[in-house]
Amino acid sequence: MSDKNKKSRRDLEEAIIAKALQDEGYRKELLSKPREVVDREIKALAPEANLPPGSEVRIIEEPQKAFYVVLPHVPAANKVELSEEDLENVAGGIIEIHDKIGDTTIRAIE
């Protein structure tokens, strides 16, 4: 598969979420059999790919007044310690996020 046609985890998540928002039966199946549904969706995007054996698959239905962020696992070899200068460059300021579902604004002020 060329790099242009490769699908990312984000592509998979977006496809699953879009389908779950449009199809209540799919949503129920996703919540009751997450591994089977995710595996099927992976095959639809990239037939040669699959879930690693023993990997855990969880689908969490976010309540209306909640905001969840899932941080991915970072292998120890990829952890980089930031210098004081790097920390100063990323610290403070205001961050605004407007999501596609509603108009949620998140502000972080130094």
C-alpha atoms as a PDB file:
ATOM      1  CA  MET A   1       0.000   0.000   0.000  1.00  0.00           C
ATOM      2  CA  SER A   2       1.484   3.391  -0.930  1.00  0.00           C
ATOM      3  CA  ASP A   3       1.921   6.066   1.742  1.00  0.00           C
ATOM      4  CA  LYS A   4      -0.823   8.070   0.028  1.00  0.00           C
ATOM      5  CA  ASN A   5      -3.325   5.246   0.601  1.00  0.00           C
ATOM      6  CA  LYS A   6      -2.253   4.335   4.143  1.00  0.00           C
ATOM      7  CA  LYS A   7      -4.889   4.828   6.785  1.00  0.00           C
ATOM      8  CA  SER A   8      -4.090   6.048  10.259  1.00  0.00           C
ATOM      9  CA  ARG A   9      -5.612   5.210  13.610  1.00  0.00           C
ATOM     10  CA  ARG A  10      -7.345   8.593  13.430  1.00  0.00           C
ATOM     11  CA  ASP A  11      -8.929   7.596  10.091  1.00  0.00           C
ATOM     12  CA  LEU A  12     -10.227   4.414  11.725  1.00  0.00           C
ATOM     13  CA  GLU A  13     -11.613   6.270  14.750  1.00  0.00           C
ATOM     14  CA  GLU A  14     -13.309   8.887  12.566  1.00  0.00           C
ATOM     15  CA  ALA A  15     -14.924   6.201  10.393  1.00  0.00           C
ATOM     16  CA  ILE A  16     -16.214   4.306  13.434  1.00  0.00           C
ATOM     17  CA  ILE A  17     -17.562   7.434  15.133  1.00  0.00           C
ATOM     18  CA  ALA A  18     -19.275   8.690  11.976  1.00  0.00           C
ATOM     19  CA  LYS A  19     -20.944   5.334  11.405  1.00  0.00           C
ATOM     20  CA  ALA A  20     -21.997   5.028  15.081  1.00  0.00           C
ATOM     21  CA  LEU A  21     -23.598   8.491  14.972  1.00  0.00           C
ATOM     22  CA  GLN A  22     -25.646   7.552  11.900  1.00  0.00           C
ATOM     23  CA  ASP A  23     -26.617   3.959  12.705  1.00  0.00           C
ATOM     24  CA  GLU A  24     -28.071   3.044  16.124  1.00  0.00           C
ATOM     25  CA  GLY A  25     -27.778  -0.712  15.442  1.00  0.00           C
ATOM     26  CA  TYR A  26     -24.081  -0.315  14.624  1.00  0.00           C
ATOM     27  CA  ARG A  27     -23.615   1.786  17.776  1.00  0.00           C
ATOM     28  CA  LYS A  28     -25.200  -0.937  19.933  1.00  0.00           C
ATOM     29  CA  GLU A  29     -23.070  -3.633  18.296  1.00  0.00           C
ATOM     30  CA  LEU A  30     -19.959  -1.495  18.786  1.00  0.00           C
ATOM     31  CA  LEU A  31     -20.717  -1.132  22.499  1.00  0.00           C
ATOM     32  CA  SER A  32     -21.535  -4.830  22.988  1.00  0.00           C
ATOM     33  CA  LYS A  33     -18.830  -6.382  20.747  1.00  0.00           C
ATOM     34  CA  PRO A  34     -16.101  -3.745  20.403  1.00  0.00           C
ATOM     35  CA  ARG A  35     -13.268  -6.051  19.336  1.00  0.00           C
ATOM     36  CA  GLU A  36     -15.254  -7.720  16.565  1.00  0.00           C
ATOM     37  CA  VAL A  37     -16.550  -4.418  15.178  1.00  0.00           C
ATOM     38  CA  VAL A  38     -13.167  -2.666  15.315  1.00  0.00           C
ATOM     39  CA  ASP A  39     -11.477  -5.658  13.699  1.00  0.00           C
ATOM     40  CA  ARG A  40     -14.074  -5.591  10.909  1.00  0.00           C
ATOM     41  CA  GLU A  41     -13.511  -1.849  10.389  1.00  0.00           C
ATOM     42  CA  ILE A  42      -9.745  -2.311  10.268  1.00  0.00           C
ATOM     43  CA  LYS A  43     -10.191  -4.931   7.543  1.00  0.00           C
ATOM     44  CA  ALA A  44     -12.443  -2.532   5.601  1.00  0.00           C
ATOM     45  CA  LEU A  45      -9.773   0.195   5.644  1.00  0.00           C
ATOM     46  CA  ALA A  46      -6.717  -2.030   5.240  1.00  0.00           C
ATOM     47  CA  PRO A  47      -7.421  -5.709   4.445  1.00  0.00           C
ATOM     48  CA  GLU A  48      -3.860  -6.757   5.297  1.00  0.00           C
ATOM     49  CA  ALA A  49      -4.021  -5.223   8.815  1.00  0.00           C
ATOM     50  CA  ASN A  50      -5.394  -6.702  12.018  1.00  0.00           C
ATOM     51  CA  LEU A  51      -5.559  -6.121  15.751  1.00  0.00           C
ATOM     52  CA  PRO A  52      -2.587  -7.560  17.595  1.00  0.00           C
ATOM     53  CA  PRO A  53      -3.536 -10.724  19.515  1.00  0.00           C
ATOM     54  CA  GLY A  54      -4.375  -9.988  23.133  1.00  0.00           C
ATOM     55  CA  SER A  55      -4.879  -6.258  22.566  1.00  0.00           C
ATOM     56  CA  GLU A  56      -7.703  -4.678  24.533  1.00  0.00           C
ATOM     57  CA  VAL A  57     -10.465  -2.783  22.723  1.00  0.00           C
ATOM     58  CA  ARG A  58     -12.742  -0.461  24.698  1.00  0.00           C
ATOM     59  CA  ILE A  59     -15.499   1.753  23.399  1.00  0.00           C
ATOM     60  CA  ILE A  60     -16.562   4.428  25.859  1.00  0.00           C
ATOM     61  CA  GLU A  61     -19.758   6.372  25.329  1.00  0.00           C
ATOM     62  CA  GLU A  62     -19.012   9.931  26.379  1.00  0.00           C
ATOM     63  CA  PRO A  63     -21.762  11.534  28.491  1.00  0.00           C
ATOM     64  CA  GLN A  64     -23.184  14.837  27.245  1.00  0.00           C
ATOM     65  CA  LYS A  65     -21.409  17.014  29.825  1.00  0.00           C
ATOM     66  CA  ALA A  66     -18.079  15.215  29.755  1.00  0.00           C
ATOM     67  CA  PHE A  67     -14.830  15.817  27.922  1.00  0.00           C
ATOM     68  CA  TYR A  68     -12.528  12.816  27.588  1.00  0.00           C
ATOM     69  CA  VAL A  69      -9.012  12.765  26.166  1.00  0.00           C
ATOM     70  CA  VAL A  70      -7.267   9.450  25.584  1.00  0.00           C
ATOM     71  CA  LEU A  71      -3.508   9.674  25.743  1.00  0.00           C
ATOM     72  CA  PRO A  72      -1.704   7.053  23.686  1.00  0.00           C
ATOM     73  CA  HIS A  73       0.921   4.789  25.207  1.00  0.00           C
ATOM     74  CA  VAL A  74       4.437   6.130  24.752  1.00  0.00           C
ATOM     75  CA  PRO A  75       7.155   3.473  24.773  1.00  0.00           C
ATOM     76  CA  ALA A  76      10.039   4.324  27.126  1.00  0.00           C
ATOM     77  CA  ALA A  77      12.474   4.585  24.193  1.00  0.00           C
ATOM     78  CA  ASN A  78      10.388   7.425  22.700  1.00  0.00           C
ATOM     79  CA  LYS A  79      10.213   9.536  25.860  1.00  0.00           C
ATOM     80  CA  VAL A  80      12.165  12.749  25.500  1.00  0.00           C
ATOM     81  CA  GLU A  81      12.884  15.100  28.374  1.00  0.00           C
ATOM     82  CA  LEU A  82      12.322  18.742  27.455  1.00  0.00           C
ATOM     83  CA  SER A  83      14.901  21.375  28.304  1.00  0.00           C
ATOM     84  CA  GLU A  84      13.942  24.391  30.430  1.00  0.00           C
ATOM     85  CA  GLU A  85      13.951  26.505  27.234  1.00  0.00           C
ATOM     86  CA  ASP A  86      11.589  24.061  25.474  1.00  0.00           C
ATOM     87  CA  LEU A  87       9.261  24.098  28.493  1.00  0.00           C
ATOM     88  CA  GLU A  88       9.220  27.915  28.481  1.00  0.00           C
ATOM     89  CA  ASN A  89       8.368  27.919  24.756  1.00  0.00           C
ATOM     90  CA  VAL A  90       5.302  25.725  25.236  1.00  0.00           C
ATOM     91  CA  ALA A  91       4.102  27.074  28.596  1.00  0.00           C
ATOM     92  CA  GLY A  92       1.260  29.549  29.052  1.00  0.00           C
ATOM     93  CA  GLY A  93      -0.972  31.299  26.587  1.00  0.00           C
ATOM     94  CA  ILE A  94      -4.568  30.648  25.633  1.00  0.00           C
ATOM     95  CA  ILE A  95      -5.716  27.620  23.700  1.00  0.00           C
ATOM     96  CA  GLU A  96      -9.160  27.601  22.114  1.00  0.00           C
ATOM     97  CA  ILE A  97     -10.708  24.500  20.618  1.00  0.00           C
ATOM     98  CA  HIS A  98     -14.014  24.520  18.735  1.00  0.00           C
ATOM     99  CA  ASP A  99     -15.127  20.992  18.052  1.00  0.00           C
ATOM    100  CA  LYS A 100     -17.409  19.804  15.242  1.00  0.00           C
ATOM    101  CA  ILE A 101     -20.100  18.675  17.682  1.00  0.00           C
ATOM    102  CA  GLY A 102     -21.280  21.781  19.487  1.00  0.00           C
ATOM    103  CA  ASP A 103     -19.161  24.800  20.261  1.00  0.00           C
ATOM    104  CA  THR A 104     -16.922  23.770  23.143  1.00  0.00           C
ATOM    105  CA  THR A 105     -14.199  26.235  24.069  1.00  0.00           C
ATOM    106  CA  ILE A 106     -11.335  25.229  26.289  1.00  0.00           C
ATOM    107  CA  ARG A 107      -9.072  27.929  27.689  1.00  0.00           C
ATOM    108  CA  ALA A 108      -5.734  27.388  29.388  1.00  0.00           C
ATOM    109  CA  ILE A 109      -4.304  30.612  30.779  1.00  0.00           C
ATOM    110  CA  GLU A 110      -0.864  30.957  32.357  1.00  0.00           C
END
